[in-house]
Amino acid sequence: MEAALEEVGLWYLWHNFRANKISLEEAKKLTDEELSALGVNTIGDRVRLKEKLKESGEG
């Protein structure tokens, strides 16, 4: 999870995900509203993070 956040420039939100015990697999299931509550506030950031999370499950 930390690496995915770092790759999309949201490294500073890692503590929010950690404090809420959000793993990589759990993050893939989060809604836009839940991501916003974690600090991923812009649509662009949410799109980039969702794409990165999707990529992390492939391969």
N, C-alpha and C. Protein backbone atom coordinates (compact mmCIF):
# COMPACT_ATOMS: atom_id res chain seq x y z
N MET A 1 0.83 -1.19 0.00
CA MET A 1 0.00 0.00 0.00
C MET A 1 0.87 1.25 0.00
N GLU A 2 1.90 1.23 0.80
CA GLU A 2 2.79 2.40 0.89
C GLU A 2 3.43 2.69 -0.47
N ALA A 3 3.88 1.64 -1.16
CA ALA A 3 4.52 1.82 -2.46
C ALA A 3 3.54 2.38 -3.49
N ALA A 4 2.31 1.89 -3.48
CA ALA A 4 1.30 2.38 -4.42
C ALA A 4 1.03 3.86 -4.20
N LEU A 5 0.90 4.26 -2.95
CA LEU A 5 0.69 5.67 -2.64
C LEU A 5 1.87 6.52 -3.09
N GLU A 6 3.06 6.02 -2.85
CA GLU A 6 4.26 6.76 -3.24
C GLU A 6 4.34 6.93 -4.75
N GLU A 7 4.01 5.89 -5.49
CA GLU A 7 4.11 5.93 -6.95
C GLU A 7 3.15 6.93 -7.59
N VAL A 8 2.04 7.22 -6.93
CA VAL A 8 1.10 8.20 -7.48
C VAL A 8 1.19 9.55 -6.77
N GLY A 9 2.24 9.73 -5.97
CA GLY A 9 2.49 11.02 -5.33
C GLY A 9 1.65 11.29 -4.10
N LEU A 10 1.10 10.25 -3.50
CA LEU A 10 0.26 10.43 -2.32
C LEU A 10 0.89 9.83 -1.07
N TRP A 11 2.21 9.76 -1.05
CA TRP A 11 2.95 9.15 0.06
C TRP A 11 2.57 9.74 1.41
N TYR A 12 2.23 11.02 1.42
CA TYR A 12 1.91 11.71 2.67
C TYR A 12 0.61 11.22 3.31
N LEU A 13 -0.16 10.41 2.58
CA LEU A 13 -1.40 9.87 3.13
C LEU A 13 -1.23 8.49 3.75
N TRP A 14 -0.01 7.95 3.68
CA TRP A 14 0.23 6.60 4.19
C TRP A 14 -0.25 6.44 5.63
N HIS A 15 0.00 7.44 6.46
CA HIS A 15 -0.41 7.32 7.87
C HIS A 15 -1.92 7.17 8.02
N ASN A 16 -2.71 7.78 7.12
CA ASN A 16 -4.17 7.64 7.17
C ASN A 16 -4.58 6.20 6.88
N PHE A 17 -3.95 5.60 5.88
CA PHE A 17 -4.26 4.21 5.53
C PHE A 17 -3.82 3.27 6.64
N ARG A 18 -2.65 3.52 7.19
CA ARG A 18 -2.13 2.67 8.27
C ARG A 18 -3.01 2.80 9.51
N ALA A 19 -3.39 4.00 9.88
CA ALA A 19 -4.21 4.23 11.07
C ALA A 19 -5.57 3.54 10.96
N ASN A 20 -6.06 3.40 9.72
CA ASN A 20 -7.35 2.76 9.49
C ASN A 20 -7.22 1.29 9.11
N LYS A 21 -5.99 0.78 9.20
CA LYS A 21 -5.69 -0.63 8.92
C LYS A 21 -6.18 -1.06 7.54
N ILE A 22 -5.87 -0.23 6.53
CA ILE A 22 -6.26 -0.49 5.15
C ILE A 22 -5.09 -1.16 4.42
N SER A 23 -5.29 -2.40 4.03
CA SER A 23 -4.27 -3.13 3.27
C SER A 23 -4.47 -2.84 1.78
N LEU A 24 -3.55 -3.33 0.98
CA LEU A 24 -3.65 -3.17 -0.47
C LEU A 24 -4.95 -3.79 -0.99
N GLU A 25 -5.26 -4.99 -0.54
CA GLU A 25 -6.49 -5.67 -1.00
C GLU A 25 -7.74 -4.91 -0.56
N GLU A 26 -7.74 -4.39 0.63
CA GLU A 26 -8.89 -3.62 1.11
C GLU A 26 -9.02 -2.31 0.36
N ALA A 27 -7.89 -1.68 0.06
CA ALA A 27 -7.91 -0.40 -0.65
C ALA A 27 -8.56 -0.53 -2.02
N LYS A 28 -8.39 -1.68 -2.65
CA LYS A 28 -8.99 -1.91 -3.98
C LYS A 28 -10.51 -1.84 -3.93
N LYS A 29 -11.10 -2.05 -2.78
CA LYS A 29 -12.56 -2.10 -2.64
C LYS A 29 -13.17 -0.79 -2.15
N LEU A 30 -12.34 0.20 -1.86
CA LEU A 30 -12.84 1.45 -1.30
C LEU A 30 -13.61 2.27 -2.33
N THR A 31 -14.66 2.91 -1.86
CA THR A 31 -15.45 3.81 -2.71
C THR A 31 -14.76 5.17 -2.78
N ASP A 32 -15.21 6.01 -3.70
CA ASP A 32 -14.68 7.37 -3.79
C ASP A 32 -14.89 8.12 -2.47
N GLU A 33 -16.03 7.91 -1.85
CA GLU A 33 -16.33 8.57 -0.58
C GLU A 33 -15.35 8.12 0.51
N GLU A 34 -15.06 6.83 0.55
CA GLU A 34 -14.11 6.31 1.55
C GLU A 34 -12.70 6.82 1.27
N LEU A 35 -12.31 6.87 0.00
CA LEU A 35 -10.99 7.41 -0.34
C LEU A 35 -10.89 8.88 0.06
N SER A 36 -11.96 9.62 -0.16
CA SER A 36 -11.97 11.04 0.25
C SER A 36 -11.80 11.16 1.76
N ALA A 37 -12.46 10.29 2.51
CA ALA A 37 -12.34 10.32 3.97
C ALA A 37 -10.91 10.04 4.42
N LEU A 38 -10.16 9.30 3.60
CA LEU A 38 -8.76 8.99 3.90
C LEU A 38 -7.82 10.09 3.42
N GLY A 39 -8.37 11.11 2.73
CA GLY A 39 -7.55 12.23 2.29
C GLY A 39 -7.26 12.28 0.81
N VAL A 40 -7.79 11.32 0.05
CA VAL A 40 -7.59 11.32 -1.41
C VAL A 40 -8.74 12.16 -1.98
N ASN A 41 -8.53 13.48 -1.99
CA ASN A 41 -9.63 14.41 -2.21
C ASN A 41 -9.96 14.74 -3.66
N THR A 42 -8.99 14.72 -4.54
CA THR A 42 -9.30 15.12 -5.92
C THR A 42 -9.66 13.91 -6.76
N ILE A 43 -10.48 14.15 -7.76
CA ILE A 43 -10.89 13.07 -8.66
C ILE A 43 -9.68 12.48 -9.35
N GLY A 44 -8.77 13.34 -9.80
CA GLY A 44 -7.56 12.86 -10.48
C GLY A 44 -6.73 11.95 -9.60
N ASP A 45 -6.56 12.32 -8.34
CA ASP A 45 -5.80 11.47 -7.41
C ASP A 45 -6.49 10.13 -7.20
N ARG A 46 -7.82 10.16 -7.08
CA ARG A 46 -8.55 8.89 -6.89
C ARG A 46 -8.41 8.00 -8.11
N VAL A 47 -8.51 8.58 -9.30
CA VAL A 47 -8.37 7.80 -10.54
C VAL A 47 -6.98 7.19 -10.62
N ARG A 48 -5.95 7.99 -10.37
CA ARG A 48 -4.57 7.47 -10.42
C ARG A 48 -4.33 6.37 -9.40
N LEU A 49 -4.84 6.55 -8.20
CA LEU A 49 -4.65 5.54 -7.17
C LEU A 49 -5.39 4.26 -7.52
N LYS A 50 -6.62 4.37 -7.99
CA LYS A 50 -7.38 3.18 -8.37
C LYS A 50 -6.68 2.42 -9.50
N GLU A 51 -6.15 3.14 -10.47
CA GLU A 51 -5.42 2.49 -11.56
C GLU A 51 -4.18 1.77 -11.03
N LYS A 52 -3.45 2.41 -10.13
CA LYS A 52 -2.25 1.80 -9.55
C LYS A 52 -2.62 0.56 -8.75
N LEU A 53 -3.70 0.62 -8.00
CA LEU A 53 -4.14 -0.53 -7.21
C LEU A 53 -4.57 -1.68 -8.12
N LYS A 54 -5.23 -1.33 -9.22
CA LYS A 54 -5.65 -2.35 -10.18
C LYS A 54 -4.42 -3.03 -10.79
N GLU A 55 -3.42 -2.25 -11.16
CA GLU A 55 -2.17 -2.79 -11.72
C GLU A 55 -1.48 -3.72 -10.73
N SER A 56 -1.53 -3.37 -9.47
CA SER A 56 -0.81 -4.16 -8.46
C SER A 56 -1.40 -5.55 -8.29
N GLY A 57 -2.62 -5.75 -8.75
CA GLY A 57 -3.24 -7.07 -8.64
C GLY A 57 -3.03 -7.93 -9.86
N GLU A 58 -2.46 -7.37 -10.90
CA GLU A 58 -2.23 -8.12 -12.14
C GLU A 58 -0.84 -8.72 -12.14
N GLY A 59 -0.68 -9.76 -12.97
CA GLY A 59 0.64 -10.31 -13.16
C GLY A 59 1.00 -11.45 -12.32
